[in-house]
């Protein structure tokens, strides 16, 4: 396998690092949640990439066919479940950020830490 033929893995790494950077470097809580969502999307891409089998078909068993190559449907099912969990996690995170904004008046992490130290 040549290095440029693995473009989907390069895309995975780039998207993962963008999300990781947003989670680590940004102090705005909304930007951190968006970075977490981007990070999660990169993991989805990795799982879907690993699922693809060259020449593989849907796992439908046919009579008289014994040498067929099948693609595994399990990663797709796991990703569908992970998407639902990701959406609910994002909704909960946004609800918590709204409550933080009501309590502290800001959603900047460093300002929240300063306000906590003064109490």
Protein backbone atom coordinates (compact mmCIF):
# COMPACT_ATOMS: atom_id res chain seq x y z
CA UNK A 1 0.00 0.00 0.00
CA UNK A 2 1.42 3.32 -1.00
CA UNK A 3 1.34 6.24 1.37
CA UNK A 4 -0.86 8.51 -0.74
CA UNK A 5 -3.39 5.71 -1.26
CA UNK A 6 -4.32 5.96 2.41
CA UNK A 7 -5.92 9.39 2.03
CA UNK A 8 -8.84 8.48 4.29
CA UNK A 9 -6.45 7.81 7.18
CA UNK A 10 -4.72 11.14 6.54
CA UNK A 11 -8.14 12.83 6.62
CA UNK A 12 -8.88 11.01 9.88
CA UNK A 13 -5.67 12.26 11.48
CA UNK A 14 -6.24 15.84 10.27
CA UNK A 15 -9.83 15.99 11.52
CA UNK A 16 -8.83 14.35 14.81
CA UNK A 17 -6.06 16.89 15.42
CA UNK A 18 -8.36 19.83 14.57
CA UNK A 19 -10.89 18.60 17.13
CA UNK A 20 -8.19 17.88 19.70
CA UNK A 21 -6.72 21.37 19.23
CA UNK A 22 -10.13 22.96 19.75
CA UNK A 23 -10.73 20.99 22.96
CA UNK A 24 -7.30 21.77 24.42
CA UNK A 25 -6.51 25.29 23.21
CA UNK A 26 -9.84 27.13 23.28
CA UNK A 27 -11.20 28.65 26.47
CA UNK A 28 -14.75 29.20 25.19
CA UNK A 29 -16.94 26.30 26.32
CA UNK A 30 -19.03 26.30 23.12
CA UNK A 31 -15.87 26.04 21.02
CA UNK A 32 -14.72 23.16 23.21
CA UNK A 33 -18.01 21.33 22.59
CA UNK A 34 -17.70 21.89 18.84
CA UNK A 35 -14.12 20.58 18.99
CA UNK A 36 -15.35 17.51 20.84
CA UNK A 37 -17.94 16.94 18.13
CA UNK A 38 -15.26 17.24 15.42
CA UNK A 39 -13.05 14.81 17.33
CA UNK A 40 -15.94 12.37 17.54
CA UNK A 41 -16.61 12.68 13.80
CA UNK A 42 -13.01 11.71 13.12
CA UNK A 43 -13.46 8.54 15.17
CA UNK A 44 -16.60 7.76 13.14
CA UNK A 45 -14.56 8.15 9.94
CA UNK A 46 -11.94 5.73 11.26
CA UNK A 47 -14.50 3.05 12.10
CA UNK A 48 -16.25 3.39 8.75
CA UNK A 49 -12.89 3.26 6.95
CA UNK A 50 -11.95 0.03 8.70
CA UNK A 51 -15.28 -1.49 7.70
CA UNK A 52 -14.64 -1.32 3.96
CA UNK A 53 -13.45 -4.59 2.40
CA UNK A 54 -12.26 -4.60 -1.23
CA UNK A 55 -14.67 -6.72 -3.23
CA UNK A 56 -16.92 -7.26 -0.23
CA UNK A 57 -20.68 -7.34 -0.54
CA UNK A 58 -23.58 -7.16 1.85
CA UNK A 59 -23.66 -10.17 4.21
CA UNK A 60 -26.59 -11.89 2.54
CA UNK A 61 -26.03 -15.64 2.48
CA UNK A 62 -27.01 -17.29 -0.79
CA UNK A 63 -27.46 -20.98 -1.48
CA UNK A 64 -24.60 -22.49 -3.45
CA UNK A 65 -22.19 -19.59 -2.90
CA UNK A 66 -19.40 -20.42 -0.48
CA UNK A 67 -16.42 -18.25 -1.48
CA UNK A 68 -18.08 -14.83 -1.22
CA UNK A 69 -16.31 -11.99 0.63
CA UNK A 70 -18.60 -10.07 2.98
CA UNK A 71 -18.28 -6.66 4.60
CA UNK A 72 -18.87 -6.58 8.33
CA UNK A 73 -22.02 -4.57 9.20
CA UNK A 74 -21.17 -4.28 12.91
CA UNK A 75 -19.09 -1.06 12.67
CA UNK A 76 -21.94 0.69 10.87
CA UNK A 77 -24.38 -0.30 13.61
CA UNK A 78 -21.94 0.88 16.28
CA UNK A 79 -21.49 4.21 14.52
CA UNK A 80 -25.26 4.74 14.31
CA UNK A 81 -25.47 4.18 18.05
CA UNK A 82 -22.49 6.45 18.67
CA UNK A 83 -24.10 9.23 16.60
CA UNK A 84 -27.20 9.11 18.80
CA UNK A 85 -25.07 9.16 21.95
CA UNK A 86 -22.99 12.01 20.52
CA UNK A 87 -26.04 14.13 19.77
CA UNK A 88 -27.45 13.60 23.24
CA UNK A 89 -24.07 14.37 24.81
CA UNK A 90 -23.85 17.57 22.79
CA UNK A 91 -27.36 18.59 23.88
CA UNK A 92 -26.53 17.94 27.53
CA UNK A 93 -23.26 19.86 27.21
CA UNK A 94 -25.05 22.84 25.69
CA UNK A 95 -27.64 22.76 28.48
CA UNK A 96 -24.84 22.78 31.06
CA UNK A 97 -23.16 25.71 29.28
CA UNK A 98 -26.45 27.63 29.41
CA UNK A 99 -26.63 27.04 33.19
CA UNK A 100 -22.98 28.10 33.57
CA UNK A 101 -23.73 31.30 31.63
CA UNK A 102 -26.69 32.01 33.93
CA UNK A 103 -24.60 31.40 37.07
CA UNK A 104 -21.30 33.06 36.13
CA UNK A 105 -22.28 35.45 33.36
CA UNK A 106 -19.58 34.09 31.05
CA UNK A 107 -18.65 30.93 29.15
CA UNK A 108 -14.90 31.59 29.09
CA UNK A 109 -13.11 28.92 31.10
CA UNK A 110 -10.37 31.14 32.51
CA UNK A 111 -12.87 33.72 33.75
CA UNK A 112 -14.94 30.98 35.40
CA UNK A 113 -11.83 29.74 37.23
CA UNK A 114 -11.08 33.30 38.44
CA UNK A 115 -14.64 33.72 39.69
CA UNK A 116 -14.43 30.38 41.52
CA UNK A 117 -11.17 31.35 43.23
CA UNK A 118 -12.72 34.56 44.57
CA UNK A 119 -15.55 32.69 46.30
